[in-house]
Amino acid sequence: MRHTAIDPRRRRGPLLHPVTFQDTKDPCPVHDGRRWHVFGSGGSSTTEVWEILHAVADELDGPWTELEPSVLRGVDGDHVAAPGIVHEGGLLHMFVQTDHAALGGTIEHLVSRDDGRSFVRTGTALTSVAGSGEACIYDPHPAEVHGVKYLVYSAAEVVGAPDIHLARSTSGSWRGPWERLGSILRHEDVPHHHNTRGAHDYEWGLEGAQLVPLPDGRVLLNAVCFLPGGEPGTRQRVFFAIADQVAGPYVSLGPVLAPAHDAWGSGENGHACALVRDDQLVVLYQARGADPGGRWRYGVAEFALEDLVAVARREPQLV
């Protein structure tokens, strides 16, 4: 399995050495106008018990200080995790799943007025709908693209086989209501580097999506795929796709982070969050080594935007 021609100019990690949690997953960095926050899922991949990790830093490069986990008020579920955060109007807005491993979950909207120490539920952004392809919904992430507010998320009729879906705020507010726009990237759109539904060794579907507006007006989708071969625990990868419009169609540029380059081993990497900084795309992601006890940690990769643009302008060679 070769990776795309987009190679990070710099790569480092772990970003944070957690005190409270065994595993740190689903990083989401956000700047509140004064300092950086990173929120994520903190807990154990063994027990699947999660809290909302919260750390702060004066600079995105750190050093990072781990704070007490954020308290969520008014939200219940078996897998409340994978927060997507945005800062607007002096408030931190969080979108969070209630479950990813069962049908019937919801995506909840919460707001923090105390710098992320606690979040209070304001309402349900999206509910699962059986028979619509969205019986299971999770991994929400907010994005404003060309002045319009969106939620990108994973959705499936069967647990474990999600595609990437999109919803649009019809009010121009993060409070919604949200109009579902359907799937914008499916298994069938990335056959060269994602396992096929129905295969005997199928592992999981497309997830962990995020939308990033690029300076040239196009939209970058970064998400997670699972390679069509290999041992469990080695197949998860961050990949990029690009489109002229937020709803697609998206052309996949393939996996972009070779796990052998991570300081903690050659296992796998996944759920990432990217932002544009000057002439760079900075990507925070989760990774772990291949050994059975490998712990998820946060890494950072920096891509030159000119490299991304150069690859996207030519016909991508899917890998």
C-alpha atoms as a PDB file:
ATOM      1  CA  MET A   1       0.000   0.000   0.000  1.00  0.00           C
ATOM      2  CA  ARG A   2       1.649   3.224  -1.186  1.00  0.00           C
ATOM      3  CA  HIS A   3       0.672   6.583   0.182  1.00  0.00           C
ATOM      4  CA  THR A   4      -0.252   9.666  -1.785  1.00  0.00           C
ATOM      5  CA  ALA A   5       2.432  12.026  -3.040  1.00  0.00           C
ATOM      6  CA  ILE A   6       1.460  14.501  -0.327  1.00  0.00           C
ATOM      7  CA  ASP A   7       4.162  14.071   2.301  1.00  0.00           C
ATOM      8  CA  PRO A   8       4.182  16.039   5.542  1.00  0.00           C
ATOM      9  CA  ARG A   9       7.029  18.521   5.822  1.00  0.00           C
ATOM     10  CA  ARG A  10       7.190  17.938   9.569  1.00  0.00           C
ATOM     11  CA  ARG A  11       5.824  15.331  11.941  1.00  0.00           C
ATOM     12  CA  ARG A  12       6.099  14.977  15.687  1.00  0.00           C
ATOM     13  CA  GLY A  13       4.493  13.577  18.805  1.00  0.00           C
ATOM     14  CA  PRO A  14       3.200  12.577  21.166  1.00  0.00           C
ATOM     15  CA  LEU A  15       1.705  16.044  21.617  1.00  0.00           C
ATOM     16  CA  LEU A  16       0.459  15.328  25.132  1.00  0.00           C
ATOM     17  CA  HIS A  17       1.489  12.851  27.823  1.00  0.00           C
ATOM     18  CA  PRO A  18      -1.850  12.313  29.582  1.00  0.00           C
ATOM     19  CA  VAL A  19      -2.066  11.998  33.343  1.00  0.00           C
ATOM     20  CA  THR A  20      -5.752  11.122  33.646  1.00  0.00           C
ATOM     21  CA  PHE A  21      -6.337   8.737  30.746  1.00  0.00           C
ATOM     22  CA  GLN A  22      -4.845   5.597  29.242  1.00  0.00           C
ATOM     23  CA  ASP A  23      -5.916   6.566  25.718  1.00  0.00           C
ATOM     24  CA  THR A  24      -6.414   9.938  24.060  1.00  0.00           C
ATOM     25  CA  LYS A  25      -8.445   9.965  20.840  1.00  0.00           C
ATOM     26  CA  ASP A  26     -10.434  12.255  18.528  1.00  0.00           C
ATOM     27  CA  PRO A  27      -8.414  15.497  18.944  1.00  0.00           C
ATOM     28  CA  CYS A  28     -10.159  18.789  18.207  1.00  0.00           C
ATOM     29  CA  PRO A  29      -8.054  21.978  18.548  1.00  0.00           C
ATOM     30  CA  VAL A  30      -9.774  25.371  18.802  1.00  0.00           C
ATOM     31  CA  HIS A  31      -8.570  28.901  19.556  1.00  0.00           C
ATOM     32  CA  ASP A  32     -10.772  31.110  21.727  1.00  0.00           C
ATOM     33  CA  GLY A  33      -9.054  34.385  20.863  1.00  0.00           C
ATOM     34  CA  ARG A  34      -6.658  34.140  23.806  1.00  0.00           C
ATOM     35  CA  ARG A  35      -5.271  30.616  23.919  1.00  0.00           C
ATOM     36  CA  TRP A  36      -5.519  27.185  22.327  1.00  0.00           C
ATOM     37  CA  HIS A  37      -7.661  24.336  23.593  1.00  0.00           C
ATOM     38  CA  VAL A  38      -7.633  20.721  22.529  1.00  0.00           C
ATOM     39  CA  PHE A  39     -10.671  18.612  23.346  1.00  0.00           C
ATOM     40  CA  GLY A  40     -10.945  14.909  22.692  1.00  0.00           C
ATOM     41  CA  SER A  41     -11.988  11.505  23.950  1.00  0.00           C
ATOM     42  CA  GLY A  42     -10.070  10.407  27.023  1.00  0.00           C
ATOM     43  CA  GLY A  43     -10.501   6.955  28.502  1.00  0.00           C
ATOM     44  CA  SER A  44      -9.768   3.348  27.687  1.00  0.00           C
ATOM     45  CA  SER A  45     -10.125   1.455  24.434  1.00  0.00           C
ATOM     46  CA  THR A  46     -10.383  -1.701  26.523  1.00  0.00           C
ATOM     47  CA  THR A  47     -13.397  -0.670  28.597  1.00  0.00           C
ATOM     48  CA  GLU A  48     -14.828   1.838  26.067  1.00  0.00           C
ATOM     49  CA  VAL A  49     -15.497   4.263  28.932  1.00  0.00           C
ATOM     50  CA  TRP A  50     -14.824   7.838  27.846  1.00  0.00           C
ATOM     51  CA  GLU A  51     -14.747  11.385  29.172  1.00  0.00           C
ATOM     52  CA  ILE A  52     -13.999  14.657  27.401  1.00  0.00           C
ATOM     53  CA  LEU A  53     -10.295  15.416  27.575  1.00  0.00           C
ATOM     54  CA  HIS A  54      -9.373  19.102  27.864  1.00  0.00           C
ATOM     55  CA  ALA A  55      -5.903  20.637  27.555  1.00  0.00           C
ATOM     56  CA  VAL A  56      -4.707  24.203  26.927  1.00  0.00           C
ATOM     57  CA  ALA A  57      -1.628  25.924  25.505  1.00  0.00           C
ATOM     58  CA  ASP A  58      -0.522  29.422  24.551  1.00  0.00           C
ATOM     59  CA  GLU A  59       0.687  28.135  21.186  1.00  0.00           C
ATOM     60  CA  LEU A  60      -0.591  25.331  19.011  1.00  0.00           C
ATOM     61  CA  ASP A  61       2.864  23.765  19.169  1.00  0.00           C
ATOM     62  CA  GLY A  62       2.566  23.588  22.974  1.00  0.00           C
ATOM     63  CA  PRO A  63       3.574  22.896  25.630  1.00  0.00           C
ATOM     64  CA  TRP A  64       0.121  21.613  26.558  1.00  0.00           C
ATOM     65  CA  THR A  65      -1.332  21.488  30.076  1.00  0.00           C
ATOM     66  CA  GLU A  66      -3.943  18.846  30.791  1.00  0.00           C
ATOM     67  CA  LEU A  67      -6.906  20.159  32.778  1.00  0.00           C
ATOM     68  CA  GLU A  68      -9.739  18.349  34.518  1.00  0.00           C
ATOM     69  CA  PRO A  69     -12.066  16.605  32.041  1.00  0.00           C
ATOM     70  CA  SER A  70     -14.863  18.819  30.777  1.00  0.00           C
ATOM     71  CA  VAL A  71     -18.211  18.232  32.467  1.00  0.00           C
ATOM     72  CA  LEU A  72     -21.166  17.707  30.119  1.00  0.00           C
ATOM     73  CA  ARG A  73     -24.557  18.603  31.559  1.00  0.00           C
ATOM     74  CA  GLY A  74     -27.756  17.146  30.125  1.00  0.00           C
ATOM     75  CA  VAL A  75     -26.242  14.479  27.868  1.00  0.00           C
ATOM     76  CA  ASP A  76     -26.433  10.725  28.405  1.00  0.00           C
ATOM     77  CA  GLY A  77     -25.305   7.758  26.342  1.00  0.00           C
ATOM     78  CA  ASP A  78     -23.083   4.702  26.296  1.00  0.00           C
ATOM     79  CA  HIS A  79     -20.380   6.348  24.161  1.00  0.00           C
ATOM     80  CA  VAL A  80     -20.531  10.107  24.697  1.00  0.00           C
ATOM     81  CA  ALA A  81     -17.283  11.053  22.961  1.00  0.00           C
ATOM     82  CA  ALA A  82     -15.620  12.471  19.825  1.00  0.00           C
ATOM     83  CA  PRO A  83     -16.429  16.155  20.410  1.00  0.00           C
ATOM     84  CA  GLY A  84     -16.412  18.631  17.543  1.00  0.00           C
ATOM     85  CA  ILE A  85     -15.805  22.169  18.824  1.00  0.00           C
ATOM     86  CA  VAL A  86     -16.019  25.650  17.342  1.00  0.00           C
ATOM     87  CA  HIS A  87     -15.595  29.073  18.996  1.00  0.00           C
ATOM     88  CA  GLU A  88     -17.963  31.899  18.102  1.00  0.00           C
ATOM     89  CA  GLY A  89     -19.300  34.963  19.918  1.00  0.00           C
ATOM     90  CA  GLY A  90     -17.334  34.266  23.083  1.00  0.00           C
ATOM     91  CA  LEU A  91     -18.815  30.759  23.389  1.00  0.00           C
ATOM     92  CA  LEU A  92     -17.458  27.287  22.764  1.00  0.00           C
ATOM     93  CA  HIS A  93     -20.012  25.221  20.835  1.00  0.00           C
ATOM     94  CA  MET A  94     -19.704  21.446  21.110  1.00  0.00           C
ATOM     95  CA  PHE A  95     -21.329  18.752  18.996  1.00  0.00           C
ATOM     96  CA  VAL A  96     -21.007  15.290  20.483  1.00  0.00           C
ATOM     97  CA  GLN A  97     -22.275  11.784  19.793  1.00  0.00           C
ATOM     98  CA  THR A  98     -24.162   9.683  22.322  1.00  0.00           C
ATOM     99  CA  ASP A  99     -23.245   6.326  20.725  1.00  0.00           C
ATOM    100  CA  HIS A 100     -21.302   4.954  17.773  1.00  0.00           C
ATOM    101  CA  ALA A 101     -21.768   1.234  18.425  1.00  0.00           C
ATOM    102  CA  ALA A 102     -25.568   1.031  18.485  1.00  0.00           C
ATOM    103  CA  LEU A 103     -28.584   2.203  16.538  1.00  0.00           C
ATOM    104  CA  GLY A 104     -30.673   5.047  17.884  1.00  0.00           C
ATOM    105  CA  GLY A 105     -28.006   7.515  18.998  1.00  0.00           C
ATOM    106  CA  THR A 106     -28.151  11.287  18.661  1.00  0.00           C
ATOM    107  CA  ILE A 107     -25.862  14.221  18.024  1.00  0.00           C
ATOM    108  CA  GLU A 108     -26.176  16.815  20.780  1.00  0.00           C
ATOM    109  CA  HIS A 109     -25.352  20.531  20.815  1.00  0.00           C
ATOM    110  CA  LEU A 110     -23.821  22.034  23.962  1.00  0.00           C
ATOM    111  CA  VAL A 111     -22.377  25.422  24.883  1.00  0.00           C
ATOM    112  CA  SER A 112     -19.627  26.428  27.304  1.00  0.00           C
ATOM    113  CA  ARG A 113     -19.476  29.832  28.972  1.00  0.00           C
ATOM    114  CA  ASP A 114     -16.582  28.969  31.301  1.00  0.00           C
ATOM    115  CA  ASP A 115     -13.679  28.325  28.900  1.00  0.00           C
ATOM    116  CA  GLY A 116     -14.484  24.668  28.387  1.00  0.00           C
ATOM    117  CA  ARG A 117     -14.633  23.536  31.990  1.00  0.00           C
ATOM    118  CA  SER A 118     -18.276  22.593  31.502  1.00  0.00           C
ATOM    119  CA  PHE A 119     -20.756  22.388  28.627  1.00  0.00           C
ATOM    120  CA  VAL A 120     -24.537  22.634  28.918  1.00  0.00           C
ATOM    121  CA  ARG A 121     -26.854  20.942  26.434  1.00  0.00           C
ATOM    122  CA  THR A 122     -28.987  23.326  24.386  1.00  0.00           C
ATOM    123  CA  GLY A 123     -30.742  20.704  22.281  1.00  0.00           C
ATOM    124  CA  THR A 124     -30.479  17.735  19.951  1.00  0.00           C
ATOM    125  CA  ALA A 125     -28.936  18.633  16.597  1.00  0.00           C
ATOM    126  CA  LEU A 126     -29.678  15.352  14.821  1.00  0.00           C
ATOM    127  CA  THR A 127     -31.498  12.142  15.693  1.00  0.00           C
ATOM    128  CA  SER A 128     -30.969   8.752  14.120  1.00  0.00           C
ATOM    129  CA  VAL A 129     -33.651   7.738  11.625  1.00  0.00           C
ATOM    130  CA  ALA A 130     -34.145   4.050  10.878  1.00  0.00           C
ATOM    131  CA  GLY A 131     -34.498   3.157   7.214  1.00  0.00           C
ATOM    132  CA  SER A 132     -32.912   6.399   5.990  1.00  0.00           C
ATOM    133  CA  GLY A 133     -29.283   5.323   6.001  1.00  0.00           C
ATOM    134  CA  GLU A 134     -28.891   7.190   9.293  1.00  0.00           C
ATOM    135  CA  ALA A 135     -30.011   4.646  11.884  1.00  0.00           C
ATOM    136  CA  CYS A 136     -26.604   5.108  13.533  1.00  0.00           C
ATOM    137  CA  ILE A 137     -25.033   8.593  13.647  1.00  0.00           C
ATOM    138  CA  TYR A 138     -21.819   9.737  15.296  1.00  0.00           C
ATOM    139  CA  ASP A 139     -18.493  11.633  14.935  1.00  0.00           C
ATOM    140  CA  PRO A 140     -19.999  15.100  14.327  1.00  0.00           C
ATOM    141  CA  HIS A 141     -17.781  18.015  13.383  1.00  0.00           C
ATOM    142  CA  PRO A 142     -18.904  21.615  12.742  1.00  0.00           C
ATOM    143  CA  ALA A 143     -17.502  23.712   9.915  1.00  0.00           C
ATOM    144  CA  GLU A 144     -18.294  27.064   8.355  1.00  0.00           C
ATOM    145  CA  VAL A 145     -17.688  26.991   4.609  1.00  0.00           C
ATOM    146  CA  HIS A 146     -18.315  30.050   2.432  1.00  0.00           C
ATOM    147  CA  GLY A 147     -20.405  31.605   5.195  1.00  0.00           C
ATOM    148  CA  VAL A 148     -22.675  28.583   5.700  1.00  0.00           C
ATOM    149  CA  LYS A 149     -22.640  26.422   8.827  1.00  0.00           C
ATOM    150  CA  TYR A 150     -22.456  22.660   8.336  1.00  0.00           C
ATOM    151  CA  LEU A 151     -22.199  19.451  10.326  1.00  0.00           C
ATOM    152  CA  VAL A 152     -20.285  16.569   8.789  1.00  0.00           C
ATOM    153  CA  TYR A 153     -20.752  13.180  10.469  1.00  0.00           C
ATOM    154  CA  SER A 154     -20.776   9.415  10.011  1.00  0.00           C
ATOM    155  CA  ALA A 155     -24.069   7.644   9.406  1.00  0.00           C
ATOM    156  CA  ALA A 156     -25.112   4.069   8.662  1.00  0.00           C
ATOM    157  CA  GLU A 157     -28.055   1.729   8.573  1.00  0.00           C
ATOM    158  CA  VAL A 158     -25.882  -1.029  10.037  1.00  0.00           C
ATOM    159  CA  VAL A 159     -23.466  -0.454  12.921  1.00  0.00           C
ATOM    160  CA  GLY A 160     -19.882  -0.397  11.699  1.00  0.00           C
ATOM    161  CA  ALA A 161     -20.517   0.452   8.038  1.00  0.00           C
ATOM    162  CA  PRO A 162     -20.944   4.255   7.945  1.00  0.00           C
ATOM    163  CA  ASP A 163     -20.508   6.673   5.079  1.00  0.00           C
ATOM    164  CA  ILE A 164     -19.820  10.406   5.440  1.00  0.00           C
ATOM    165  CA  HIS A 165     -22.941  12.582   5.638  1.00  0.00           C
ATOM    166  CA  LEU A 166     -23.617  16.325   5.690  1.00  0.00           C
ATOM    167  CA  ALA A 167     -26.210  18.645   7.240  1.00  0.00           C
ATOM    168  CA  ARG A 168     -26.699  22.404   6.846  1.00  0.00           C
ATOM    169  CA  SER A 169     -27.974  24.924   9.393  1.00  0.00           C
ATOM    170  CA  THR A 170     -31.055  26.612   7.942  1.00  0.00           C
ATOM    171  CA  SER A 171     -30.906  29.469  10.472  1.00  0.00           C
ATOM    172  CA  GLY A 172     -27.258  30.458  10.112  1.00  0.00           C
ATOM    173  CA  SER A 173     -26.783  29.543  13.771  1.00  0.00           C
ATOM    174  CA  TRP A 174     -24.994  26.629  15.415  1.00  0.00           C
ATOM    175  CA  ARG A 175     -28.297  25.918  17.147  1.00  0.00           C
ATOM    176  CA  GLY A 176     -29.805  24.808  13.837  1.00  0.00           C
ATOM    177  CA  PRO A 177     -32.265  23.487  12.788  1.00  0.00           C
ATOM    178  CA  TRP A 178     -30.268  21.172  10.542  1.00  0.00           C
ATOM    179  CA  GLU A 179     -31.241  20.107   7.042  1.00  0.00           C
ATOM    180  CA  ARG A 180     -29.813  16.707   6.080  1.00  0.00           C
ATOM    181  CA  LEU A 181     -28.071  16.754   2.702  1.00  0.00           C
ATOM    182  CA  GLY A 182     -27.303  13.024   2.561  1.00  0.00           C
ATOM    183  CA  SER A 183     -24.024  11.221   1.992  1.00  0.00           C
ATOM    184  CA  ILE A 184     -21.110  13.097   0.424  1.00  0.00           C
ATOM    185  CA  LEU A 185     -18.568  10.238   0.449  1.00  0.00           C
ATOM    186  CA  ARG A 186     -19.358   6.530   0.365  1.00  0.00           C
ATOM    187  CA  HIS A 187     -17.376   3.291   0.523  1.00  0.00           C
ATOM    188  CA  GLU A 188     -17.779   2.968  -3.223  1.00  0.00           C
ATOM    189  CA  ASP A 189     -16.066   6.345  -3.759  1.00  0.00           C
ATOM    190  CA  VAL A 190     -12.756   5.180  -2.241  1.00  0.00           C
ATOM    191  CA  PRO A 191     -12.449   1.521  -3.318  1.00  0.00           C
ATOM    192  CA  HIS A 192      -8.677   1.582  -3.765  1.00  0.00           C
ATOM    193  CA  HIS A 193      -7.831   2.203  -0.109  1.00  0.00           C
ATOM    194  CA  HIS A 194     -10.924   1.297   1.918  1.00  0.00           C
ATOM    195  CA  ASN A 195     -12.240  -2.140   2.835  1.00  0.00           C
ATOM    196  CA  THR A 196     -15.338  -3.326   0.993  1.00  0.00           C
ATOM    197  CA  ARG A 197     -18.669  -3.870   2.690  1.00  0.00           C
ATOM    198  CA  GLY A 198     -19.401  -7.589   2.782  1.00  0.00           C
ATOM    199  CA  ALA A 199     -15.762  -8.699   2.591  1.00  0.00           C
ATOM    200  CA  HIS A 200     -14.846 -11.525   4.964  1.00  0.00           C
ATOM    201  CA  ASP A 201     -12.265  -9.332   6.728  1.00  0.00           C
ATOM    202  CA  TYR A 202     -14.299  -6.120   6.753  1.00  0.00           C
ATOM    203  CA  GLU A 203     -13.328  -3.985   9.772  1.00  0.00           C
ATOM    204  CA  TRP A 204     -15.202  -0.660   9.799  1.00  0.00           C
ATOM    205  CA  GLY A 205     -16.550   2.176   7.674  1.00  0.00           C
ATOM    206  CA  LEU A 206     -15.657   5.778   6.860  1.00  0.00           C
ATOM    207  CA  GLU A 207     -15.604   8.018   9.917  1.00  0.00           C
ATOM    208  CA  GLY A 208     -13.939  10.899  11.761  1.00  0.00           C
ATOM    209  CA  ALA A 209     -14.677  13.415   8.995  1.00  0.00           C
ATOM    210  CA  GLN A 210     -13.922  17.131   9.020  1.00  0.00           C
ATOM    211  CA  LEU A 211     -14.323  19.878   6.399  1.00  0.00           C
ATOM    212  CA  VAL A 212     -11.619  22.519   5.899  1.00  0.00           C
ATOM    213  CA  PRO A 213     -12.099  25.494   3.516  1.00  0.00           C
ATOM    214  CA  LEU A 214      -8.925  26.010   1.488  1.00  0.00           C
ATOM    215  CA  PRO A 215      -7.562  29.430   0.450  1.00  0.00           C
ATOM    216  CA  ASP A 216      -8.294  28.721  -3.226  1.00  0.00           C
ATOM    217  CA  GLY A 217     -12.014  28.223  -2.516  1.00  0.00           C
ATOM    218  CA  ARG A 218     -12.093  24.444  -2.627  1.00  0.00           C
ATOM    219  CA  VAL A 219     -12.943  22.188   0.305  1.00  0.00           C
ATOM    220  CA  LEU A 220     -10.721  19.597   1.930  1.00  0.00           C
ATOM    221  CA  LEU A 221     -12.303  16.578   3.591  1.00  0.00           C
ATOM    222  CA  ASN A 222     -10.093  14.719   6.014  1.00  0.00           C
ATOM    223  CA  ALA A 223     -11.477  11.459   7.340  1.00  0.00           C
ATOM    224  CA  VAL A 224     -10.622   7.902   8.352  1.00  0.00           C
ATOM    225  CA  CYS A 225     -10.594   4.790   6.174  1.00  0.00           C
ATOM    226  CA  PHE A 226      -9.665   1.169   6.923  1.00  0.00           C
ATOM    227  CA  LEU A 227      -7.295  -0.536   4.527  1.00  0.00           C
ATOM    228  CA  PRO A 228      -8.618  -3.558   2.586  1.00  0.00           C
ATOM    229  CA  GLY A 229      -5.999  -5.906   4.068  1.00  0.00           C
ATOM    230  CA  GLY A 230      -3.742  -6.476   7.027  1.00  0.00           C
ATOM    231  CA  GLU A 231      -4.100  -7.407  10.667  1.00  0.00           C
ATOM    232  CA  PRO A 232      -6.659  -5.676  12.909  1.00  0.00           C
ATOM    233  CA  GLY A 233      -4.983  -2.794  14.693  1.00  0.00           C
ATOM    234  CA  THR A 234      -2.896  -1.861  11.649  1.00  0.00           C
ATOM    235  CA  ARG A 235      -5.490  -0.811   9.052  1.00  0.00           C
ATOM    236  CA  GLN A 236      -6.849   2.567  10.193  1.00  0.00           C
ATOM    237  CA  ARG A 237      -5.568   5.589   8.214  1.00  0.00           C
ATOM    238  CA  VAL A 238      -6.125   9.332   7.849  1.00  0.00           C
ATOM    239  CA  PHE A 239      -6.919  10.224   4.245  1.00  0.00           C
ATOM    240  CA  PHE A 240      -7.709  13.409   2.319  1.00  0.00           C
ATOM    241  CA  ALA A 241     -10.311  14.138  -0.347  1.00  0.00           C
ATOM    242  CA  ILE A 242     -10.986  17.389  -2.160  1.00  0.00           C
ATOM    243  CA  ALA A 243     -13.956  19.010  -3.922  1.00  0.00           C
ATOM    244  CA  ASP A 244     -14.966  22.252  -5.580  1.00  0.00           C
ATOM    245  CA  GLN A 245     -18.192  22.352  -3.554  1.00  0.00           C
ATOM    246  CA  VAL A 246     -18.884  21.398   0.041  1.00  0.00           C
ATOM    247  CA  ALA A 247     -21.387  18.698  -0.975  1.00  0.00           C
ATOM    248  CA  GLY A 248     -18.949  17.189  -3.481  1.00  0.00           C
ATOM    249  CA  PRO A 249     -18.249  15.265  -5.534  1.00  0.00           C
ATOM    250  CA  TYR A 250     -15.020  14.520  -3.679  1.00  0.00           C
ATOM    251  CA  VAL A 251     -11.913  12.986  -5.218  1.00  0.00           C
ATOM    252  CA  SER A 252      -9.862  11.013  -2.723  1.00  0.00           C
ATOM    253  CA  LEU A 253      -6.140  11.704  -2.572  1.00  0.00           C
ATOM    254  CA  GLY A 254      -5.502   8.584  -0.535  1.00  0.00           C
ATOM    255  CA  PRO A 255      -3.959   7.919   2.896  1.00  0.00           C
ATOM    256  CA  VAL A 256      -1.470  10.604   3.880  1.00  0.00           C
ATOM    257  CA  LEU A 257       0.262   9.428   7.077  1.00  0.00           C
ATOM    258  CA  ALA A 258       2.515   6.367   6.982  1.00  0.00           C
ATOM    259  CA  PRO A 259       2.339   4.938  10.526  1.00  0.00           C
ATOM    260  CA  ALA A 260       5.953   3.731  10.476  1.00  0.00           C
ATOM    261  CA  HIS A 261       7.001   7.372  10.820  1.00  0.00           C
ATOM    262  CA  ASP A 262       5.299   7.819  14.189  1.00  0.00           C
ATOM    263  CA  ALA A 263       7.545   7.897  17.234  1.00  0.00           C
ATOM    264  CA  TRP A 264       5.355   5.389  19.081  1.00  0.00           C
ATOM    265  CA  GLY A 265       5.415   2.571  16.549  1.00  0.00           C
ATOM    266  CA  SER A 266       4.088   1.291  13.238  1.00  0.00           C
ATOM    267  CA  GLY A 267       0.483   0.502  14.065  1.00  0.00           C
ATOM    268  CA  GLU A 268      -2.232   2.797  12.733  1.00  0.00           C
ATOM    269  CA  ASN A 269      -3.497   6.371  12.755  1.00  0.00           C
ATOM    270  CA  GLY A 270      -6.958   7.838  12.595  1.00  0.00           C
ATOM    271  CA  HIS A 271      -9.452  10.548  13.603  1.00  0.00           C
ATOM    272  CA  ALA A 272      -7.783  13.870  12.810  1.00  0.00           C
ATOM    273  CA  CYS A 273      -8.540  17.578  12.861  1.00  0.00           C
ATOM    274  CA  ALA A 274      -6.855  19.996  10.453  1.00  0.00           C
ATOM    275  CA  LEU A 275      -6.514  23.763  10.258  1.00  0.00           C
ATOM    276  CA  VAL A 276      -4.878  26.214   7.895  1.00  0.00           C
ATOM    277  CA  ARG A 277      -2.017  28.203   9.429  1.00  0.00           C
ATOM    278  CA  ASP A 278      -0.217  30.603   7.091  1.00  0.00           C
ATOM    279  CA  ASP A 279       0.929  28.432   4.177  1.00  0.00           C
ATOM    280  CA  GLN A 280       0.530  25.156   6.035  1.00  0.00           C
ATOM    281  CA  LEU A 281      -2.139  22.606   6.804  1.00  0.00           C
ATOM    282  CA  VAL A 282      -1.604  21.502  10.404  1.00  0.00           C
ATOM    283  CA  VAL A 283      -3.157  18.131  11.272  1.00  0.00           C
ATOM    284  CA  LEU A 284      -3.642  16.765  14.791  1.00  0.00           C
ATOM    285  CA  TYR A 285      -4.379  13.053  14.739  1.00  0.00           C
ATOM    286  CA  GLN A 286      -4.537   9.942  16.916  1.00  0.00           C
ATOM    287  CA  ALA A 287      -2.052   7.098  16.507  1.00  0.00           C
ATOM    288  CA  ARG A 288      -0.910   3.970  18.293  1.00  0.00           C
ATOM    289  CA  GLY A 289       1.717   1.266  17.948  1.00  0.00           C
ATOM    290  CA  ALA A 290       1.034  -2.194  16.588  1.00  0.00           C
ATOM    291  CA  ASP A 291       1.539  -4.028  19.886  1.00  0.00           C
ATOM    292  CA  PRO A 292      -1.681  -5.193  21.610  1.00  0.00           C
ATOM    293  CA  GLY A 293      -1.191  -2.765  24.486  1.00  0.00           C
ATOM    294  CA  GLY A 294      -0.404   0.229  22.294  1.00  0.00           C
ATOM    295  CA  ARG A 295      -1.980   3.388  23.668  1.00  0.00           C
ATOM    296  CA  TRP A 296      -3.598   6.045  21.502  1.00  0.00           C
ATOM    297  CA  ARG A 297      -1.689   9.332  21.577  1.00  0.00           C
ATOM    298  CA  TYR A 298      -1.877  12.619  19.658  1.00  0.00           C
ATOM    299  CA  GLY A 299       0.533  13.412  16.853  1.00  0.00           C
ATOM    300  CA  VAL A 300       0.997  16.507  14.696  1.00  0.00           C
ATOM    301  CA  ALA A 301       1.773  16.625  10.978  1.00  0.00           C
ATOM    302  CA  GLU A 302       2.358  19.753   8.904  1.00  0.00           C
ATOM    303  CA  PHE A 303       1.703  19.807   5.157  1.00  0.00           C
ATOM    304  CA  ALA A 304       2.638  22.578   2.767  1.00  0.00           C
ATOM    305  CA  LEU A 305      -0.491  23.919   1.082  1.00  0.00           C
ATOM    306  CA  GLU A 306       1.431  24.225  -2.176  1.00  0.00           C
ATOM    307  CA  ASP A 307       2.046  20.460  -2.101  1.00  0.00           C
ATOM    308  CA  LEU A 308      -1.638  19.784  -1.515  1.00  0.00           C
ATOM    309  CA  VAL A 309      -2.684  22.120  -4.326  1.00  0.00           C
ATOM    310  CA  ALA A 310      -0.164  20.586  -6.718  1.00  0.00           C
ATOM    311  CA  VAL A 311      -1.440  17.063  -6.139  1.00  0.00           C
ATOM    312  CA  ALA A 312      -5.094  18.089  -6.279  1.00  0.00           C
ATOM    313  CA  ARG A 313      -4.670  19.911  -9.603  1.00  0.00           C
ATOM    314  CA  ARG A 314      -3.483  16.843 -11.424  1.00  0.00           C
ATOM    315  CA  GLU A 315      -5.483  13.658 -11.798  1.00  0.00           C
ATOM    316  CA  PRO A 316      -4.939  11.866  -8.474  1.00  0.00           C
ATOM    317  CA  GLN A 317      -3.612   8.331  -8.587  1.00  0.00           C
ATOM    318  CA  LEU A 318      -5.731   6.448  -6.105  1.00  0.00           C
ATOM    319  CA  VAL A 319      -3.731   3.973  -4.052  1.00  0.00           C
END
